Amino acid sequence: MVSLHLDRIFASVAGRTQTPCHPIGSEVVASWKRCLEEYCLEPTRVDRPQVLTSTELKEFSCQAGDLIDIAQPELNRLLHRLISDDYIVLLTNAEGITVDYRAGTSGSFAT
């Protein structure tokens, strides 16, 4: 399944014909092209996540304190909408570091 998706990415970016059953929007193709050409993201590469120490995480969370305070009600609302589907909601800073999250646990939520 992953291989088929990768084939679609590379074929679409190269401008090869798409299958009429599964057309891909021009916005998606443009995004894939940007990822490959401008940001040199390689869809076949899977990096291991960087795990921060609790001290590092606390520092990033403190720096994002205002953002966290403002976003908390929306994080809670969003999780309540998604809780039956076993999703988690992440709040990240501009560098993509998760500074807060909500996760469903048996019909309730945790922070």
PDB file of N, CA and C in Angstrom:
ATOM      1  N   MET A   1       0.830  -1.191   0.000  1.00  0.00           N
ATOM      2  CA  MET A   1       0.000   0.000   0.000  1.00  0.00           C
ATOM      3  C   MET A   1       0.876   1.257   0.000  1.00  0.00           C
ATOM      4  N   VAL A   2       1.911   1.272   0.830  1.00  0.00           N
ATOM      5  CA  VAL A   2       2.811   2.428   0.873  1.00  0.00           C
ATOM      6  C   VAL A   2       3.491   2.606  -0.473  1.00  0.00           C
ATOM      7  N   SER A   3       3.876   1.496  -1.089  1.00  0.00           N
ATOM      8  CA  SER A   3       4.549   1.549  -2.379  1.00  0.00           C
ATOM      9  C   SER A   3       3.670   2.198  -3.441  1.00  0.00           C
ATOM     10  N   LEU A   4       2.381   1.880  -3.448  1.00  0.00           N
ATOM     11  CA  LEU A   4       1.458   2.490  -4.410  1.00  0.00           C
ATOM     12  C   LEU A   4       1.356   3.992  -4.190  1.00  0.00           C
ATOM     13  N   HIS A   5       1.316   4.400  -2.920  1.00  0.00           N
ATOM     14  CA  HIS A   5       1.244   5.824  -2.605  1.00  0.00           C
ATOM     15  C   HIS A   5       2.515   6.534  -3.079  1.00  0.00           C
ATOM     16  N   LEU A   6       3.660   5.940  -2.818  1.00  0.00           N
ATOM     17  CA  LEU A   6       4.923   6.547  -3.261  1.00  0.00           C
ATOM     18  C   LEU A   6       4.966   6.647  -4.776  1.00  0.00           C
ATOM     19  N   ASP A   7       4.498   5.608  -5.450  1.00  0.00           N
ATOM     20  CA  ASP A   7       4.458   5.639  -6.915  1.00  0.00           C
ATOM     21  C   ASP A   7       3.595   6.797  -7.404  1.00  0.00           C
ATOM     22  N   ARG A   8       2.460   7.025  -6.742  1.00  0.00           N
ATOM     23  CA  ARG A   8       1.570   8.125  -7.128  1.00  0.00           C
ATOM     24  C   ARG A   8       2.243   9.476  -6.911  1.00  0.00           C
ATOM     25  N   ILE A   9       2.965   9.607  -5.802  1.00  0.00           N
ATOM     26  CA  ILE A   9       3.669  10.876  -5.532  1.00  0.00           C
ATOM     27  C   ILE A   9       4.659  11.164  -6.641  1.00  0.00           C
ATOM     28  N   PHE A  10       5.549  10.199  -6.904  1.00  0.00           N
ATOM     29  CA  PHE A  10       6.606  10.428  -7.891  1.00  0.00           C
ATOM     30  C   PHE A  10       6.042  10.609  -9.300  1.00  0.00           C
ATOM     31  N   ALA A  11       5.010   9.851  -9.653  1.00  0.00           N
ATOM     32  CA  ALA A  11       4.404   9.983 -10.981  1.00  0.00           C
ATOM     33  C   ALA A  11       3.727  11.341 -11.123  1.00  0.00           C
ATOM     34  N   SER A  12       3.027  11.774 -10.096  1.00  0.00           N
ATOM     35  CA  SER A  12       2.325  13.061 -10.151  1.00  0.00           C
ATOM     36  C   SER A  12       3.294  14.227 -10.273  1.00  0.00           C
ATOM     37  N   VAL A  13       4.356  14.175  -9.495  1.00  0.00           N
ATOM     38  CA  VAL A  13       5.346  15.253  -9.525  1.00  0.00           C
ATOM     39  C   VAL A  13       6.057  15.290 -10.876  1.00  0.00           C
ATOM     40  N   ALA A  14       6.249  14.114 -11.478  1.00  0.00           N
ATOM     41  CA  ALA A  14       6.905  14.044 -12.788  1.00  0.00           C
ATOM     42  C   ALA A  14       5.962  14.418 -13.919  1.00  0.00           C
ATOM     43  N   GLY A  15       4.658  14.607 -13.592  1.00  0.00           N
ATOM     44  CA  GLY A  15       3.695  15.012 -14.605  1.00  0.00           C
ATOM     45  C   GLY A  15       3.138  13.870 -15.419  1.00  0.00           C
ATOM     46  N   ARG A  16       3.327  12.639 -14.964  1.00  0.00           N
ATOM     47  CA  ARG A  16       2.771  11.499 -15.683  1.00  0.00           C
ATOM     48  C   ARG A  16       1.268  11.420 -15.437  1.00  0.00           C
ATOM     49  N   THR A  17       0.565  10.794 -16.330  1.00  0.00           N
ATOM     50  CA  THR A  17      -0.895  10.714 -16.291  1.00  0.00           C
ATOM     51  C   THR A  17      -1.381  10.037 -15.017  1.00  0.00           C
ATOM     52  N   GLN A  18      -2.423  10.625 -14.449  1.00  0.00           N
ATOM     53  CA  GLN A  18      -3.052  10.062 -13.259  1.00  0.00           C
ATOM     54  C   GLN A  18      -4.149   9.103 -13.682  1.00  0.00           C
ATOM     55  N   THR A  19      -4.502   8.196 -12.795  1.00  0.00           N
ATOM     56  CA  THR A  19      -5.607   7.307 -13.080  1.00  0.00           C
ATOM     57  C   THR A  19      -6.916   8.086 -12.900  1.00  0.00           C
ATOM     58  N   PRO A  20      -7.848   7.958 -13.839  1.00  0.00           N
ATOM     59  CA  PRO A  20      -9.101   8.714 -13.741  1.00  0.00           C
ATOM     60  C   PRO A  20      -9.938   8.320 -12.522  1.00  0.00           C
ATOM     61  N   CYS A  21      -9.746   7.106 -12.013  1.00  0.00           N
ATOM     62  CA  CYS A  21     -10.526   6.659 -10.845  1.00  0.00           C
ATOM     63  C   CYS A  21     -10.113   7.393  -9.583  1.00  0.00           C
ATOM     64  N   HIS A  22      -8.863   7.806  -9.519  1.00  0.00           N
ATOM     65  CA  HIS A  22      -8.326   8.441  -8.314  1.00  0.00           C
ATOM     66  C   HIS A  22      -7.562   9.708  -8.677  1.00  0.00           C
ATOM     67  N   PRO A  23      -8.265  10.745  -9.176  1.00  0.00           N
ATOM     68  CA  PRO A  23      -7.552  11.975  -9.532  1.00  0.00           C
ATOM     69  C   PRO A  23      -6.973  12.656  -8.283  1.00  0.00           C
ATOM     70  N   ILE A  24      -5.867  13.321  -8.474  1.00  0.00           N
ATOM     71  CA  ILE A  24      -5.206  14.032  -7.386  1.00  0.00           C
ATOM     72  C   ILE A  24      -5.300  15.524  -7.694  1.00  0.00           C
ATOM     73  N   GLY A  25      -5.763  16.289  -6.719  1.00  0.00           N
ATOM     74  CA  GLY A  25      -5.916  17.723  -6.920  1.00  0.00           C
ATOM     75  C   GLY A  25      -4.588  18.417  -7.183  1.00  0.00           C
ATOM     76  N   SER A  26      -4.649  19.500  -7.938  1.00  0.00           N
ATOM     77  CA  SER A  26      -3.428  20.238  -8.286  1.00  0.00           C
ATOM     78  C   SER A  26      -2.736  20.798  -7.043  1.00  0.00           C
ATOM     79  N   GLU A  27      -3.522  21.119  -5.990  1.00  0.00           N
ATOM     80  CA  GLU A  27      -2.920  21.628  -4.751  1.00  0.00           C
ATOM     81  C   GLU A  27      -2.063  20.560  -4.078  1.00  0.00           C
ATOM     82  N   VAL A  28      -2.544  19.322  -4.120  1.00  0.00           N
ATOM     83  CA  VAL A  28      -1.792  18.220  -3.510  1.00  0.00           C
ATOM     84  C   VAL A  28      -0.515  17.965  -4.292  1.00  0.00           C
ATOM     85  N   VAL A  29      -0.623  17.936  -5.612  1.00  0.00           N
ATOM     86  CA  VAL A  29       0.562  17.719  -6.446  1.00  0.00           C
ATOM     87  C   VAL A  29       1.574  18.840  -6.217  1.00  0.00           C
ATOM     88  N   ALA A  30       1.101  20.078  -6.137  1.00  0.00           N
ATOM     89  CA  ALA A  30       2.009  21.213  -5.887  1.00  0.00           C
ATOM     90  C   ALA A  30       2.690  21.070  -4.529  1.00  0.00           C
ATOM     91  N   SER A  31       1.953  20.595  -3.526  1.00  0.00           N
ATOM     92  CA  SER A  31       2.530  20.389  -2.195  1.00  0.00           C
ATOM     93  C   SER A  31       3.602  19.304  -2.240  1.00  0.00           C
ATOM     94  N   TRP A  32       3.301  18.195  -2.911  1.00  0.00           N
ATOM     95  CA  TRP A  32       4.287  17.118  -3.024  1.00  0.00           C
ATOM     96  C   TRP A  32       5.546  17.616  -3.743  1.00  0.00           C
ATOM     97  N   LYS A  33       5.335  18.402  -4.792  1.00  0.00           N
ATOM     98  CA  LYS A  33       6.470  18.927  -5.557  1.00  0.00           C
ATOM     99  C   LYS A  33       7.331  19.846  -4.690  1.00  0.00           C
ATOM    100  N   ARG A  34       6.676  20.722  -3.919  1.00  0.00           N
ATOM    101  CA  ARG A  34       7.411  21.610  -2.999  1.00  0.00           C
ATOM    102  C   ARG A  34       8.218  20.800  -2.001  1.00  0.00           C
ATOM    103  N   CYS A  35       7.585  19.785  -1.425  1.00  0.00           N
ATOM    104  CA  CYS A  35       8.264  18.951  -0.430  1.00  0.00           C
ATOM    105  C   CYS A  35       9.522  18.312  -1.010  1.00  0.00           C
ATOM    106  N   LEU A  36       9.408  17.803  -2.228  1.00  0.00           N
ATOM    107  CA  LEU A  36      10.543  17.133  -2.854  1.00  0.00           C
ATOM    108  C   LEU A  36      11.613  18.111  -3.317  1.00  0.00           C
ATOM    109  N   GLU A  37      11.199  19.171  -4.008  1.00  0.00           N
ATOM    110  CA  GLU A  37      12.163  20.052  -4.660  1.00  0.00           C
ATOM    111  C   GLU A  37      12.685  21.176  -3.777  1.00  0.00           C
ATOM    112  N   GLU A  38      11.811  21.821  -3.018  1.00  0.00           N
ATOM    113  CA  GLU A  38      12.247  22.959  -2.216  1.00  0.00           C
ATOM    114  C   GLU A  38      12.795  22.554  -0.857  1.00  0.00           C
ATOM    115  N   TYR A  39      12.160  21.541  -0.238  1.00  0.00           N
ATOM    116  CA  TYR A  39      12.539  21.168   1.120  1.00  0.00           C
ATOM    117  C   TYR A  39      13.348  19.875   1.183  1.00  0.00           C
ATOM    118  N   CYS A  40      13.561  19.249   0.021  1.00  0.00           N
ATOM    119  CA  CYS A  40      14.354  18.009  -0.071  1.00  0.00           C
ATOM    120  C   CYS A  40      13.865  16.929   0.886  1.00  0.00           C
ATOM    121  N   LEU A  41      12.543  16.865   1.076  1.00  0.00           N
ATOM    122  CA  LEU A  41      11.970  15.808   1.899  1.00  0.00           C
ATOM    123  C   LEU A  41      11.850  14.560   1.049  1.00  0.00           C
ATOM    124  N   GLU A  42      12.290  13.472   1.556  1.00  0.00           N
ATOM    125  CA  GLU A  42      12.290  12.217   0.829  1.00  0.00           C
ATOM    126  C   GLU A  42      11.185  11.328   1.380  1.00  0.00           C
ATOM    127  N   PRO A  43      10.104  11.068   0.611  1.00  0.00           N
ATOM    128  CA  PRO A  43       8.973  10.311   1.147  1.00  0.00           C
ATOM    129  C   PRO A  43       9.303   8.864   1.502  1.00  0.00           C
ATOM    130  N   THR A  44      10.414   8.347   1.011  1.00  0.00           N
ATOM    131  CA  THR A  44      10.786   6.969   1.339  1.00  0.00           C
ATOM    132  C   THR A  44      11.573   6.882   2.646  1.00  0.00           C
ATOM    133  N   ARG A  45      12.021   8.028   3.145  1.00  0.00           N
ATOM    134  CA  ARG A  45      12.834   8.039   4.361  1.00  0.00           C
ATOM    135  C   ARG A  45      11.953   8.259   5.588  1.00  0.00           C
ATOM    136  N   VAL A  46      12.135   7.421   6.575  1.00  0.00           N
ATOM    137  CA  VAL A  46      11.396   7.563   7.829  1.00  0.00           C
ATOM    138  C   VAL A  46      12.423   7.775   8.937  1.00  0.00           C
ATOM    139  N   ASP A  47      12.454   8.987   9.461  1.00  0.00           N
ATOM    140  CA  ASP A  47      13.390   9.299  10.538  1.00  0.00           C
ATOM    141  C   ASP A  47      12.821   8.866  11.877  1.00  0.00           C
ATOM    142  N   ARG A  48      13.710   8.518  12.765  1.00  0.00           N
ATOM    143  CA  ARG A  48      13.282   8.235  14.134  1.00  0.00           C
ATOM    144  C   ARG A  48      12.923   9.557  14.795  1.00  0.00           C
ATOM    145  N   PRO A  49      11.887   9.558  15.600  1.00  0.00           N
ATOM    146  CA  PRO A  49      11.525  10.811  16.276  1.00  0.00           C
ATOM    147  C   PRO A  49      12.600  11.207  17.285  1.00  0.00           C
ATOM    148  N   GLN A  50      12.790  12.499  17.431  1.00  0.00           N
ATOM    149  CA  GLN A  50      13.708  12.996  18.452  1.00  0.00           C
ATOM    150  C   GLN A  50      12.928  13.076  19.764  1.00  0.00           C
ATOM    151  N   VAL A  51      13.453  12.451  20.787  1.00  0.00           N
ATOM    152  CA  VAL A  51      12.812  12.471  22.091  1.00  0.00           C
ATOM    153  C   VAL A  51      13.590  13.432  22.976  1.00  0.00           C
ATOM    154  N   LEU A  52      12.890  14.419  23.506  1.00  0.00           N
ATOM    155  CA  LEU A  52      13.517  15.414  24.357  1.00  0.00           C
ATOM    156  C   LEU A  52      13.553  14.925  25.802  1.00  0.00           C
ATOM    157  N   THR A  53      14.507  15.426  26.537  1.00  0.00           N
ATOM    158  CA  THR A  53      14.523  15.146  27.973  1.00  0.00           C
ATOM    159  C   THR A  53      13.407  15.953  28.610  1.00  0.00           C
ATOM    160  N   SER A  54      13.028  15.618  29.820  1.00  0.00           N
ATOM    161  CA  SER A  54      11.964  16.368  30.496  1.00  0.00           C
ATOM    162  C   SER A  54      12.374  17.822  30.697  1.00  0.00           C
ATOM    163  N   THR A  55      13.660  18.075  30.921  1.00  0.00           N
ATOM    164  CA  THR A  55      14.153  19.448  31.087  1.00  0.00           C
ATOM    165  C   THR A  55      14.001  20.227  29.783  1.00  0.00           C
ATOM    166  N   GLU A  56      14.387  19.617  28.676  1.00  0.00           N
ATOM    167  CA  GLU A  56      14.254  20.285  27.378  1.00  0.00           C
ATOM    168  C   GLU A  56      12.779  20.550  27.057  1.00  0.00           C
ATOM    169  N   LEU A  57      11.932  19.562  27.302  1.00  0.00           N
ATOM    170  CA  LEU A  57      10.507  19.721  27.028  1.00  0.00           C
ATOM    171  C   LEU A  57       9.914  20.837  27.878  1.00  0.00           C
ATOM    172  N   LYS A  58      10.306  20.892  29.143  1.00  0.00           N
ATOM    173  CA  LYS A  58       9.801  21.940  30.033  1.00  0.00           C
ATOM    174  C   LYS A  58      10.222  23.317  29.538  1.00  0.00           C
ATOM    175  N   GLU A  59      11.447  23.428  29.042  1.00  0.00           N
ATOM    176  CA  GLU A  59      11.936  24.708  28.525  1.00  0.00           C
ATOM    177  C   GLU A  59      11.103  25.158  27.322  1.00  0.00           C
ATOM    178  N   PHE A  60      10.846  24.254  26.388  1.00  0.00           N
ATOM    179  CA  PHE A  60      10.039  24.600  25.218  1.00  0.00           C
ATOM    180  C   PHE A  60       8.605  24.934  25.631  1.00  0.00           C
ATOM    181  N   SER A  61       8.061  24.198  26.592  1.00  0.00           N
ATOM    182  CA  SER A  61       6.703  24.463  27.065  1.00  0.00           C
ATOM    183  C   SER A  61       6.615  25.833  27.727  1.00  0.00           C
ATOM    184  N   CYS A  62       7.631  26.187  28.502  1.00  0.00           N
ATOM    185  CA  CYS A  62       7.645  27.514  29.143  1.00  0.00           C
ATOM    186  C   CYS A  62       7.691  28.625  28.097  1.00  0.00           C
ATOM    187  N   GLN A  63       8.505  28.422  27.062  1.00  0.00           N
ATOM    188  CA  GLN A  63       8.605  29.426  25.997  1.00  0.00           C
ATOM    189  C   GLN A  63       7.282  29.593  25.262  1.00  0.00           C
ATOM    190  N   ALA A  64       6.483  28.521  25.197  1.00  0.00           N
ATOM    191  CA  ALA A  64       5.207  28.561  24.486  1.00  0.00           C
ATOM    192  C   ALA A  64       4.038  28.763  25.442  1.00  0.00           C
ATOM    193  N   GLY A  65       4.299  29.255  26.636  1.00  0.00           N
ATOM    194  CA  GLY A  65       3.270  29.385  27.668  1.00  0.00           C
ATOM    195  C   GLY A  65       2.031  30.132  27.228  1.00  0.00           C
ATOM    196  N   ASP A  66       2.205  31.280  26.559  1.00  0.00           N
ATOM    197  CA  ASP A  66       1.044  32.059  26.105  1.00  0.00           C
ATOM    198  C   ASP A  66       0.237  31.279  25.071  1.00  0.00           C
ATOM    199  N   LEU A  67       0.938  30.642  24.149  1.00  0.00           N
ATOM    200  CA  LEU A  67       0.268  29.840  23.126  1.00  0.00           C
ATOM    201  C   LEU A  67      -0.536  28.713  23.772  1.00  0.00           C
ATOM    202  N   ILE A  68       0.067  28.023  24.726  1.00  0.00           N
ATOM    203  CA  ILE A  68      -0.605  26.919  25.418  1.00  0.00           C
ATOM    204  C   ILE A  68      -1.846  27.423  26.135  1.00  0.00           C
ATOM    205  N   ASP A  69      -1.724  28.539  26.844  1.00  0.00           N
ATOM    206  CA  ASP A  69      -2.864  29.099  27.576  1.00  0.00           C
ATOM    207  C   ASP A  69      -4.027  29.437  26.640  1.00  0.00           C
ATOM    208  N   ILE A  70      -3.697  30.046  25.519  1.00  0.00           N
ATOM    209  CA  ILE A  70      -4.731  30.443  24.558  1.00  0.00           C
ATOM    210  C   ILE A  70      -5.363  29.223  23.886  1.00  0.00           C
ATOM    211  N   ALA A  71      -4.561  28.211  23.611  1.00  0.00           N
ATOM    212  CA  ALA A  71      -5.036  27.056  22.835  1.00  0.00           C
ATOM    213  C   ALA A  71      -5.765  26.003  23.661  1.00  0.00           C
ATOM    214  N   GLN A  72      -5.605  25.989  24.981  1.00  0.00           N
ATOM    215  CA  GLN A  72      -6.185  24.917  25.793  1.00  0.00           C
ATOM    216  C   GLN A  72      -7.680  24.694  25.575  1.00  0.00           C
ATOM    217  N   PRO A  73      -8.520  25.729  25.590  1.00  0.00           N
ATOM    218  CA  PRO A  73      -9.954  25.461  25.371  1.00  0.00           C
ATOM    219  C   PRO A  73     -10.233  24.796  24.020  1.00  0.00           C
ATOM    220  N   GLU A  74      -9.500  25.228  22.988  1.00  0.00           N
ATOM    221  CA  GLU A  74      -9.722  24.640  21.666  1.00  0.00           C
ATOM    222  C   GLU A  74      -9.200  23.206  21.603  1.00  0.00           C
ATOM    223  N   LEU A  75      -8.079  22.924  22.254  1.00  0.00           N
ATOM    224  CA  LEU A  75      -7.580  21.544  22.310  1.00  0.00           C
ATOM    225  C   LEU A  75      -8.630  20.636  22.951  1.00  0.00           C
ATOM    226  N   ASN A  76      -9.221  21.104  24.036  1.00  0.00           N
ATOM    227  CA  ASN A  76     -10.251  20.322  24.730  1.00  0.00           C
ATOM    228  C   ASN A  76     -11.476  20.100  23.844  1.00  0.00           C
ATOM    229  N   ARG A  77     -11.929  21.175  23.171  1.00  0.00           N
ATOM    230  CA  ARG A  77     -13.096  21.050  22.287  1.00  0.00           C
ATOM    231  C   ARG A  77     -12.822  20.086  21.149  1.00  0.00           C
ATOM    232  N   LEU A  78     -11.642  20.206  20.567  1.00  0.00           N
ATOM    233  CA  LEU A  78     -11.290  19.345  19.441  1.00  0.00           C
ATOM    234  C   LEU A  78     -11.222  17.882  19.867  1.00  0.00           C
ATOM    235  N   LEU A  79     -10.620  17.629  21.009  1.00  0.00           N
ATOM    236  CA  LEU A  79     -10.551  16.243  21.474  1.00  0.00           C
ATOM    237  C   LEU A  79     -11.945  15.684  21.724  1.00  0.00           C
ATOM    238  N   HIS A  80     -12.821  16.473  22.313  1.00  0.00           N
ATOM    239  CA  HIS A  80     -14.184  15.993  22.572  1.00  0.00           C
ATOM    240  C   HIS A  80     -14.904  15.622  21.277  1.00  0.00           C
ATOM    241  N   ARG A  81     -14.588  16.321  20.197  1.00  0.00           N
ATOM    242  CA  ARG A  81     -15.187  15.987  18.900  1.00  0.00           C
ATOM    243  C   ARG A  81     -14.596  14.711  18.316  1.00  0.00           C
ATOM    244  N   LEU A  82     -13.355  14.402  18.657  1.00  0.00           N
ATOM    245  CA  LEU A  82     -12.654  13.266  18.051  1.00  0.00           C
ATOM    246  C   LEU A  82     -12.499  12.068  18.974  1.00  0.00           C
ATOM    247  N   ILE A  83     -12.931  12.184  20.217  1.00  0.00           N
ATOM    248  CA  ILE A  83     -12.620  11.187  21.236  1.00  0.00           C
ATOM    249  C   ILE A  83     -13.112   9.784  20.875  1.00  0.00           C
ATOM    250  N   SER A  84     -14.236   9.678  20.210  1.00  0.00           N
ATOM    251  CA  SER A  84     -14.753   8.348  19.880  1.00  0.00           C
ATOM    252  C   SER A  84     -13.940   7.674  18.777  1.00  0.00           C
ATOM    253  N   ASP A  85     -13.102   8.416  18.085  1.00  0.00           N
ATOM    254  CA  ASP A  85     -12.285   7.861  17.007  1.00  0.00           C
ATOM    255  C   ASP A  85     -10.850   7.575  17.433  1.00  0.00           C
ATOM    256  N   ASP A  86     -10.564   7.665  18.736  1.00  0.00           N
ATOM    257  CA  ASP A  86      -9.228   7.367  19.267  1.00  0.00           C
ATOM    258  C   ASP A  86      -8.116   8.231  18.671  1.00  0.00           C
ATOM    259  N   TYR A  87      -8.379   9.502  18.504  1.00  0.00           N
ATOM    260  CA  TYR A  87      -7.356  10.435  18.052  1.00  0.00           C
ATOM    261  C   TYR A  87      -6.683  11.082  19.252  1.00  0.00           C
ATOM    262  N   ILE A  88      -5.504  11.655  18.994  1.00  0.00           N
ATOM    263  CA  ILE A  88      -4.890  12.549  19.967  1.00  0.00           C
ATOM    264  C   ILE A  88      -4.760  13.907  19.292  1.00  0.00           C
ATOM    265  N   VAL A  89      -4.709  14.950  20.077  1.00  0.00           N
ATOM    266  CA  VAL A  89      -4.580  16.304  19.566  1.00  0.00           C
ATOM    267  C   VAL A  89      -3.258  16.853  20.078  1.00  0.00           C
ATOM    268  N   LEU A  90      -2.420  17.312  19.159  1.00  0.00           N
ATOM    269  CA  LEU A  90      -1.116  17.849  19.513  1.00  0.00           C
ATOM    270  C   LEU A  90      -1.074  19.344  19.238  1.00  0.00           C
ATOM    271  N   LEU A  91      -0.409  20.067  20.111  1.00  0.00           N
ATOM    272  CA  LEU A  91      -0.112  21.477  19.891  1.00  0.00           C
ATOM    273  C   LEU A  91       1.400  21.571  19.777  1.00  0.00           C
ATOM    274  N   THR A  92       1.868  22.090  18.640  1.00  0.00           N
ATOM    275  CA  THR A  92       3.311  22.206  18.441  1.00  0.00           C
ATOM    276  C   THR A  92       3.712  23.664  18.312  1.00  0.00           C
ATOM    277  N   ASN A  93       4.981  23.914  18.599  1.00  0.00           N
ATOM    278  CA  ASN A  93       5.510  25.259  18.381  1.00  0.00           C
ATOM    279  C   ASN A  93       5.939  25.384  16.916  1.00  0.00           C
ATOM    280  N   ALA A  94       6.535  26.495  16.552  1.00  0.00           N
ATOM    281  CA  ALA A  94       6.926  26.736  15.159  1.00  0.00           C
ATOM    282  C   ALA A  94       7.966  25.743  14.659  1.00  0.00           C
ATOM    283  N   GLU A  95       8.711  25.122  15.577  1.00  0.00           N
ATOM    284  CA  GLU A  95       9.725  24.140  15.181  1.00  0.00           C
ATOM    285  C   GLU A  95       9.154  22.724  15.112  1.00  0.00           C
ATOM    286  N   GLY A  96       7.862  22.570  15.382  1.00  0.00           N
ATOM    287  CA  GLY A  96       7.241  21.249  15.330  1.00  0.00           C
ATOM    288  C   GLY A  96       7.409  20.440  16.601  1.00  0.00           C
ATOM    289  N   ILE A  97       7.805  21.080  17.686  1.00  0.00           N
ATOM    290  CA  ILE A  97       7.967  20.389  18.969  1.00  0.00           C
ATOM    291  C   ILE A  97       6.633  20.415  19.694  1.00  0.00           C
ATOM    292  N   THR A  98       6.152  19.246  20.089  1.00  0.00           N
ATOM    293  CA  THR A  98       4.887  19.159  20.795  1.00  0.00           C
ATOM    294  C   THR A  98       5.038  19.772  22.174  1.00  0.00           C
ATOM    295  N   VAL A  99       4.252  20.820  22.431  1.00  0.00           N
ATOM    296  CA  VAL A  99       4.325  21.516  23.718  1.00  0.00           C
ATOM    297  C   VAL A  99       3.107  21.238  24.592  1.00  0.00           C
ATOM    298  N   ASP A 100       2.066  20.643  24.008  1.00  0.00           N
ATOM    299  CA  ASP A 100       0.887  20.253  24.777  1.00  0.00           C
ATOM    300  C   ASP A 100       0.119  19.233  23.945  1.00  0.00           C
ATOM    301  N   TYR A 101      -0.688  18.426  24.595  1.00  0.00           N
ATOM    302  CA  TYR A 101      -1.463  17.431  23.871  1.00  0.00           C
ATOM    303  C   TYR A 101      -2.687  17.036  24.680  1.00  0.00           C
ATOM    304  N   ARG A 102      -3.611  16.402  23.996  1.00  0.00           N
ATOM    305  CA  ARG A 102      -4.775  15.798  24.623  1.00  0.00           C
ATOM    306  C   ARG A 102      -4.923  14.408  24.023  1.00  0.00           C
ATOM    307  N   ALA A 103      -5.223  13.436  24.870  1.00  0.00           N
ATOM    308  CA  ALA A 103      -5.404  12.058  24.393  1.00  0.00           C
ATOM    309  C   ALA A 103      -6.580  11.436  25.106  1.00  0.00           C
ATOM    310  N   GLY A 104      -7.439  10.776  24.362  1.00  0.00           N
ATOM    311  CA  GLY A 104      -8.595  10.120  24.946  1.00  0.00           C
ATOM    312  C   GLY A 104      -8.190   8.861  25.709  1.00  0.00           C
ATOM    313  N   THR A 105      -8.814   8.661  26.865  1.00  0.00           N
ATOM    314  CA  THR A 105      -8.586   7.440  27.632  1.00  0.00           C
ATOM    315  C   THR A 105      -9.913   7.005  28.212  1.00  0.00           C
ATOM    316  N   SER A 106     -10.484   5.972  27.640  1.00  0.00           N
ATOM    317  CA  SER A 106     -11.738   5.398  28.138  1.00  0.00           C
ATOM    318  C   SER A 106     -12.848   6.432  28.293  1.00  0.00           C
ATOM    319  N   GLY A 107     -13.055   7.223  27.260  1.00  0.00           N
ATOM    320  CA  GLY A 107     -14.154   8.180  27.287  1.00  0.00           C
ATOM    321  C   GLY A 107     -13.854   9.484  28.009  1.00  0.00           C
ATOM    322  N   SER A 108     -12.678   9.649  28.549  1.00  0.00           N
ATOM    323  CA  SER A 108     -12.298  10.926  29.148  1.00  0.00           C
ATOM    324  C   SER A 108     -11.090  11.447  28.405  1.00  0.00           C
ATOM    325  N   PHE A 109     -10.505  12.524  28.868  1.00  0.00           N
ATOM    326  CA  PHE A 109      -9.293  12.982  28.213  1.00  0.00           C
ATOM    327  C   PHE A 109      -8.223  13.304  29.235  1.00  0.00           C
ATOM    328  N   ALA A 110      -6.977  13.186  28.754  1.00  0.00           N
ATOM    329  CA  ALA A 110      -5.820  13.431  29.611  1.00  0.00           C
ATOM    330  C   ALA A 110      -4.982  14.537  29.005  1.00  0.00           C
ATOM    331  N   THR A 111      -4.267  15.245  29.867  1.00  0.00           N
ATOM    332  CA  THR A 111      -3.333  16.279  29.370  1.00  0.00           C
ATOM    333  C   THR A 111      -1.968  15.981  29.909  1.00  0.00           C
TER     334      THR A 111
END
